Amino acid sequence: MFVGSVVPVSRSSVPRMMLHDLSSSAADGEAIEPQSERSRLRLVRCQIERRSAGRSRVSVEFEGPWFTAPLVCEREGATCPGGDLRLAALATLDALTTATQGALHFDLVGVKSTRAFDNSVMLVAVLVHCAGESTKVLGVAVEEDNEVLATVRATLHAVNRLVTPILGPLPTAK
């Protein structure tokens, strides 16, 4: 039985995730060759469903030119403010693991909402594993009205420089 609310995010309110360069080694130690058609992963939707018995399910949906259907990842767990945000970050990291075909693996270190410069911001710390090496990264997003969306954005901001070389270069302006 469904209890609570679903928080949909319209396509027009979600910015496109643009990924830039950094890591150059694959999980097996060889250089990763970016695929030019794999240039962008776009966040389409994220939502949280609060269910009965103190459970929540967070769903994130991405599109990319190399997917025939949208990439949807879900995480379910106990309902609590911090737990819901962790679920959002974990679902996003699951999608990125799938998009990079397992070349990168992620461990969520933490998610925290705080205030900075008179704004509420979401901080997400992630440990990224690639080719036997680990790097800790931090992403930040302005919270505005939706904590779950801010968590997804902060997660994307944290890992964007490590994911880009695997997904491929950005399209150039003509």
C-alpha atoms as a PDB file:
ATOM      1  CA  MET A   1       0.000   0.000   0.000  1.00  0.00           C
ATOM      2  CA  PHE A   2       1.309   3.435  -0.954  1.00  0.00           C
ATOM      3  CA  VAL A   3       1.494   5.982   1.853  1.00  0.00           C
ATOM      4  CA  GLY A   4       2.775   9.537   1.548  1.00  0.00           C
ATOM      5  CA  SER A   5       3.793  11.419  -1.513  1.00  0.00           C
ATOM      6  CA  VAL A   6       5.739  11.105  -4.722  1.00  0.00           C
ATOM      7  CA  VAL A   7       7.975  14.065  -5.513  1.00  0.00           C
ATOM      8  CA  PRO A   8       8.263  14.192  -9.320  1.00  0.00           C
ATOM      9  CA  VAL A   9      10.852  16.323 -11.075  1.00  0.00           C
ATOM     10  CA  SER A  10       9.924  17.728 -14.451  1.00  0.00           C
ATOM     11  CA  ARG A  11      12.370  17.494 -17.349  1.00  0.00           C
ATOM     12  CA  SER A  12      12.592  21.264 -17.656  1.00  0.00           C
ATOM     13  CA  SER A  13      13.683  21.747 -14.030  1.00  0.00           C
ATOM     14  CA  VAL A  14      16.558  19.257 -14.183  1.00  0.00           C
ATOM     15  CA  PRO A  15      19.861  20.527 -15.580  1.00  0.00           C
ATOM     16  CA  ARG A  16      21.827  18.325 -17.911  1.00  0.00           C
ATOM     17  CA  MET A  17      24.789  16.689 -16.297  1.00  0.00           C
ATOM     18  CA  MET A  18      27.871  17.673 -18.223  1.00  0.00           C
ATOM     19  CA  LEU A  19      30.888  15.594 -17.374  1.00  0.00           C
ATOM     20  CA  HIS A  20      34.490  16.756 -17.713  1.00  0.00           C
ATOM     21  CA  ASP A  21      37.902  15.000 -17.723  1.00  0.00           C
ATOM     22  CA  LEU A  22      40.296  13.402 -15.185  1.00  0.00           C
ATOM     23  CA  SER A  23      40.764   9.627 -14.763  1.00  0.00           C
ATOM     24  CA  SER A  24      42.368   7.752 -17.647  1.00  0.00           C
ATOM     25  CA  SER A  25      42.638   4.150 -16.535  1.00  0.00           C
ATOM     26  CA  ALA A  26      40.167   1.316 -16.765  1.00  0.00           C
ATOM     27  CA  ALA A  27      39.318  -1.224 -14.093  1.00  0.00           C
ATOM     28  CA  ASP A  28      41.719  -3.712 -15.703  1.00  0.00           C
ATOM     29  CA  GLY A  29      44.591  -1.205 -15.764  1.00  0.00           C
ATOM     30  CA  GLU A  30      44.400  -0.395 -19.477  1.00  0.00           C
ATOM     31  CA  ALA A  31      43.552   3.017 -20.833  1.00  0.00           C
ATOM     32  CA  ILE A  32      39.860   3.638 -21.372  1.00  0.00           C
ATOM     33  CA  GLU A  33      38.965   4.697 -24.873  1.00  0.00           C
ATOM     34  CA  PRO A  34      36.060   7.147 -24.716  1.00  0.00           C
ATOM     35  CA  GLN A  35      33.307   6.456 -27.173  1.00  0.00           C
ATOM     36  CA  SER A  36      32.330   9.626 -28.997  1.00  0.00           C
ATOM     37  CA  GLU A  37      28.652   8.685 -29.114  1.00  0.00           C
ATOM     38  CA  ARG A  38      28.693   8.297 -25.319  1.00  0.00           C
ATOM     39  CA  SER A  39      28.967  11.997 -24.634  1.00  0.00           C
ATOM     40  CA  ARG A  40      26.252  12.852 -22.154  1.00  0.00           C
ATOM     41  CA  LEU A  41      24.194  11.354 -19.390  1.00  0.00           C
ATOM     42  CA  ARG A  42      21.051  13.369 -18.674  1.00  0.00           C
ATOM     43  CA  LEU A  43      19.046  13.291 -15.459  1.00  0.00           C
ATOM     44  CA  VAL A  44      15.400  12.978 -16.448  1.00  0.00           C
ATOM     45  CA  ARG A  45      13.623  12.306 -13.175  1.00  0.00           C
ATOM     46  CA  CYS A  46      14.093  11.568  -9.514  1.00  0.00           C
ATOM     47  CA  GLN A  47      11.371  10.797  -7.034  1.00  0.00           C
ATOM     48  CA  ILE A  48      10.811   9.462  -3.568  1.00  0.00           C
ATOM     49  CA  GLU A  49       7.913   7.257  -2.551  1.00  0.00           C
ATOM     50  CA  ARG A  50       7.145   7.040   1.130  1.00  0.00           C
ATOM     51  CA  ARG A  51       5.603   3.658   1.799  1.00  0.00           C
ATOM     52  CA  SER A  52       3.941   1.997   4.742  1.00  0.00           C
ATOM     53  CA  ALA A  53       5.941   0.439   7.588  1.00  0.00           C
ATOM     54  CA  GLY A  54       8.495   3.254   7.602  1.00  0.00           C
ATOM     55  CA  ARG A  55       9.986   2.460   4.186  1.00  0.00           C
ATOM     56  CA  SER A  56      10.989   4.756   1.324  1.00  0.00           C
ATOM     57  CA  ARG A  57      11.943   4.072  -2.268  1.00  0.00           C
ATOM     58  CA  VAL A  58      14.022   6.517  -4.293  1.00  0.00           C
ATOM     59  CA  SER A  59      14.094   6.222  -8.065  1.00  0.00           C
ATOM     60  CA  VAL A  60      16.397   8.084 -10.484  1.00  0.00           C
ATOM     61  CA  GLU A  61      16.102   8.018 -14.256  1.00  0.00           C
ATOM     62  CA  PHE A  62      18.783   8.952 -16.787  1.00  0.00           C
ATOM     63  CA  GLU A  63      18.912   9.067 -20.565  1.00  0.00           C
ATOM     64  CA  GLY A  64      21.939   8.709 -22.764  1.00  0.00           C
ATOM     65  CA  PRO A  65      22.516   8.237 -26.472  1.00  0.00           C
ATOM     66  CA  TRP A  66      23.810   4.703 -25.869  1.00  0.00           C
ATOM     67  CA  PHE A  67      20.715   3.461 -23.980  1.00  0.00           C
ATOM     68  CA  THR A  68      17.747   2.117 -25.924  1.00  0.00           C
ATOM     69  CA  ALA A  69      15.532   2.685 -22.878  1.00  0.00           C
ATOM     70  CA  PRO A  70      15.999   5.109 -19.973  1.00  0.00           C
ATOM     71  CA  LEU A  71      18.359   3.924 -17.230  1.00  0.00           C
ATOM     72  CA  VAL A  72      16.334   3.670 -14.011  1.00  0.00           C
ATOM     73  CA  CYS A  73      17.894   2.773 -10.663  1.00  0.00           C
ATOM     74  CA  GLU A  74      16.045   2.428  -7.385  1.00  0.00           C
ATOM     75  CA  ARG A  75      17.032   2.043  -3.755  1.00  0.00           C
ATOM     76  CA  GLU A  76      14.693   1.187  -0.897  1.00  0.00           C
ATOM     77  CA  GLY A  77      15.257   1.512   2.841  1.00  0.00           C
ATOM     78  CA  ALA A  78      14.066   2.916   6.142  1.00  0.00           C
ATOM     79  CA  THR A  79      12.256   6.251   6.064  1.00  0.00           C
ATOM     80  CA  CYS A  80      14.157   8.996   7.842  1.00  0.00           C
ATOM     81  CA  PRO A  81      15.524  12.330   6.625  1.00  0.00           C
ATOM     82  CA  GLY A  82      19.164  11.198   6.372  1.00  0.00           C
ATOM     83  CA  GLY A  83      18.167   7.743   5.128  1.00  0.00           C
ATOM     84  CA  ASP A  84      16.120   9.132   2.245  1.00  0.00           C
ATOM     85  CA  LEU A  85      19.053  11.270   1.116  1.00  0.00           C
ATOM     86  CA  ARG A  86      21.463   8.308   1.295  1.00  0.00           C
ATOM     87  CA  LEU A  87      19.030   6.287  -0.839  1.00  0.00           C
ATOM     88  CA  ALA A  88      19.016   9.072  -3.467  1.00  0.00           C
ATOM     89  CA  ALA A  89      22.826   9.195  -3.576  1.00  0.00           C
ATOM     90  CA  LEU A  90      23.113   5.394  -3.723  1.00  0.00           C
ATOM     91  CA  ALA A  91      20.581   5.117  -6.576  1.00  0.00           C
ATOM     92  CA  THR A  92      22.552   7.763  -8.504  1.00  0.00           C
ATOM     93  CA  LEU A  93      25.831   5.913  -7.924  1.00  0.00           C
ATOM     94  CA  ASP A  94      24.192   2.668  -9.094  1.00  0.00           C
ATOM     95  CA  ALA A  95      23.197   4.416 -12.335  1.00  0.00           C
ATOM     96  CA  LEU A  96      26.731   5.739 -12.827  1.00  0.00           C
ATOM     97  CA  THR A  97      28.222   2.291 -12.237  1.00  0.00           C
ATOM     98  CA  THR A  98      25.906   0.942 -14.928  1.00  0.00           C
ATOM     99  CA  ALA A  99      26.656   3.827 -17.322  1.00  0.00           C
ATOM    100  CA  THR A 100      30.422   3.289 -16.967  1.00  0.00           C
ATOM    101  CA  GLN A 101      29.915  -0.468 -17.438  1.00  0.00           C
ATOM    102  CA  GLY A 102      31.533  -1.183 -14.068  1.00  0.00           C
ATOM    103  CA  ALA A 103      34.788   0.636 -14.847  1.00  0.00           C
ATOM    104  CA  LEU A 104      34.178   2.766 -11.754  1.00  0.00           C
ATOM    105  CA  HIS A 105      32.870   1.598  -8.391  1.00  0.00           C
ATOM    106  CA  PHE A 106      31.567   3.954  -5.739  1.00  0.00           C
ATOM    107  CA  ASP A 107      31.263   3.923  -1.953  1.00  0.00           C
ATOM    108  CA  LEU A 108      29.070   6.599  -0.432  1.00  0.00           C
ATOM    109  CA  VAL A 109      30.906   8.256   2.442  1.00  0.00           C
ATOM    110  CA  GLY A 110      28.106  10.596   3.512  1.00  0.00           C
ATOM    111  CA  VAL A 111      25.336  13.036   2.709  1.00  0.00           C
ATOM    112  CA  LYS A 112      24.770  16.228   4.677  1.00  0.00           C
ATOM    113  CA  SER A 113      22.556  19.265   4.384  1.00  0.00           C
ATOM    114  CA  THR A 114      24.085  22.470   5.699  1.00  0.00           C
ATOM    115  CA  ARG A 115      23.988  26.240   5.290  1.00  0.00           C
ATOM    116  CA  ALA A 116      26.564  28.275   3.381  1.00  0.00           C
ATOM    117  CA  PHE A 117      26.375  31.896   2.242  1.00  0.00           C
ATOM    118  CA  ASP A 118      22.712  32.192   3.333  1.00  0.00           C
ATOM    119  CA  ASN A 119      21.713  29.153   1.250  1.00  0.00           C
ATOM    120  CA  SER A 120      20.892  25.583   2.124  1.00  0.00           C
ATOM    121  CA  VAL A 121      23.316  23.275   0.328  1.00  0.00           C
ATOM    122  CA  MET A 122      23.640  19.516   0.037  1.00  0.00           C
ATOM    123  CA  LEU A 123      27.086  17.934   0.416  1.00  0.00           C
ATOM    124  CA  VAL A 124      27.841  14.421  -0.844  1.00  0.00           C
ATOM    125  CA  ALA A 125      31.167  12.647  -0.250  1.00  0.00           C
ATOM    126  CA  VAL A 126      32.034   9.600  -2.371  1.00  0.00           C
ATOM    127  CA  LEU A 127      34.983   7.224  -2.539  1.00  0.00           C
ATOM    128  CA  VAL A 128      35.622   6.322  -6.201  1.00  0.00           C
ATOM    129  CA  HIS A 129      37.517   3.124  -7.073  1.00  0.00           C
ATOM    130  CA  CYS A 130      39.179   2.648 -10.467  1.00  0.00           C
ATOM    131  CA  ALA A 131      42.078   0.425 -11.547  1.00  0.00           C
ATOM    132  CA  GLY A 132      43.120  -0.404  -7.979  1.00  0.00           C
ATOM    133  CA  GLU A 133      43.206   3.240  -6.895  1.00  0.00           C
ATOM    134  CA  SER A 134      40.717   5.161  -4.763  1.00  0.00           C
ATOM    135  CA  THR A 135      39.899   8.857  -4.745  1.00  0.00           C
ATOM    136  CA  LYS A 136      37.636  10.718  -2.335  1.00  0.00           C
ATOM    137  CA  VAL A 137      35.497  13.388  -3.986  1.00  0.00           C
ATOM    138  CA  LEU A 138      32.960  15.914  -2.714  1.00  0.00           C
ATOM    139  CA  GLY A 139      29.980  17.417  -4.512  1.00  0.00           C
ATOM    140  CA  VAL A 140      27.782  20.348  -3.553  1.00  0.00           C
ATOM    141  CA  ALA A 141      24.407  21.515  -4.829  1.00  0.00           C
ATOM    142  CA  VAL A 142      22.085  24.315  -3.777  1.00  0.00           C
ATOM    143  CA  GLU A 143      19.077  22.779  -2.099  1.00  0.00           C
ATOM    144  CA  GLU A 144      16.272  25.159  -3.151  1.00  0.00           C
ATOM    145  CA  ASP A 145      12.991  23.241  -2.594  1.00  0.00           C
ATOM    146  CA  ASN A 146      13.831  19.560  -3.097  1.00  0.00           C
ATOM    147  CA  GLU A 147      16.352  17.745  -0.870  1.00  0.00           C
ATOM    148  CA  VAL A 148      16.257  14.564  -2.960  1.00  0.00           C
ATOM    149  CA  LEU A 149      16.991  16.392  -6.212  1.00  0.00           C
ATOM    150  CA  ALA A 150      19.769  18.390  -4.500  1.00  0.00           C
ATOM    151  CA  THR A 151      21.289  15.108  -3.298  1.00  0.00           C
ATOM    152  CA  VAL A 152      21.249  13.638  -6.809  1.00  0.00           C
ATOM    153  CA  ARG A 153      22.827  16.810  -8.234  1.00  0.00           C
ATOM    154  CA  ALA A 154      25.516  16.910  -5.526  1.00  0.00           C
ATOM    155  CA  THR A 155      26.311  13.236  -6.210  1.00  0.00           C
ATOM    156  CA  LEU A 156      26.681  13.973  -9.927  1.00  0.00           C
ATOM    157  CA  HIS A 157      28.853  17.009  -9.187  1.00  0.00           C
ATOM    158  CA  ALA A 158      31.089  14.888  -6.944  1.00  0.00           C
ATOM    159  CA  VAL A 159      31.957  12.297  -9.576  1.00  0.00           C
ATOM    160  CA  ASN A 160      31.636  14.182 -12.870  1.00  0.00           C
ATOM    161  CA  ARG A 161      35.381  14.581 -13.545  1.00  0.00           C
ATOM    162  CA  LEU A 162      36.017  10.886 -13.022  1.00  0.00           C
ATOM    163  CA  VAL A 163      33.056   9.631 -15.059  1.00  0.00           C
ATOM    164  CA  THR A 164      33.574  11.803 -18.139  1.00  0.00           C
ATOM    165  CA  PRO A 165      36.647  10.101 -19.613  1.00  0.00           C
ATOM    166  CA  ILE A 166      34.755   6.825 -19.606  1.00  0.00           C
ATOM    167  CA  LEU A 167      31.564   8.200 -21.146  1.00  0.00           C
ATOM    168  CA  GLY A 168      33.466  10.150 -23.792  1.00  0.00           C
ATOM    169  CA  PRO A 169      34.187  13.737 -24.739  1.00  0.00           C
ATOM    170  CA  LEU A 170      31.528  16.402 -24.751  1.00  0.00           C
ATOM    171  CA  PRO A 171      30.175  17.446 -28.133  1.00  0.00           C
ATOM    172  CA  THR A 172      31.917  20.510 -29.530  1.00  0.00           C
ATOM    173  CA  ALA A 173      30.013  23.611 -30.563  1.00  0.00           C
ATOM    174  CA  LYS A 174      29.842  24.171 -34.306  1.00  0.00           C
END
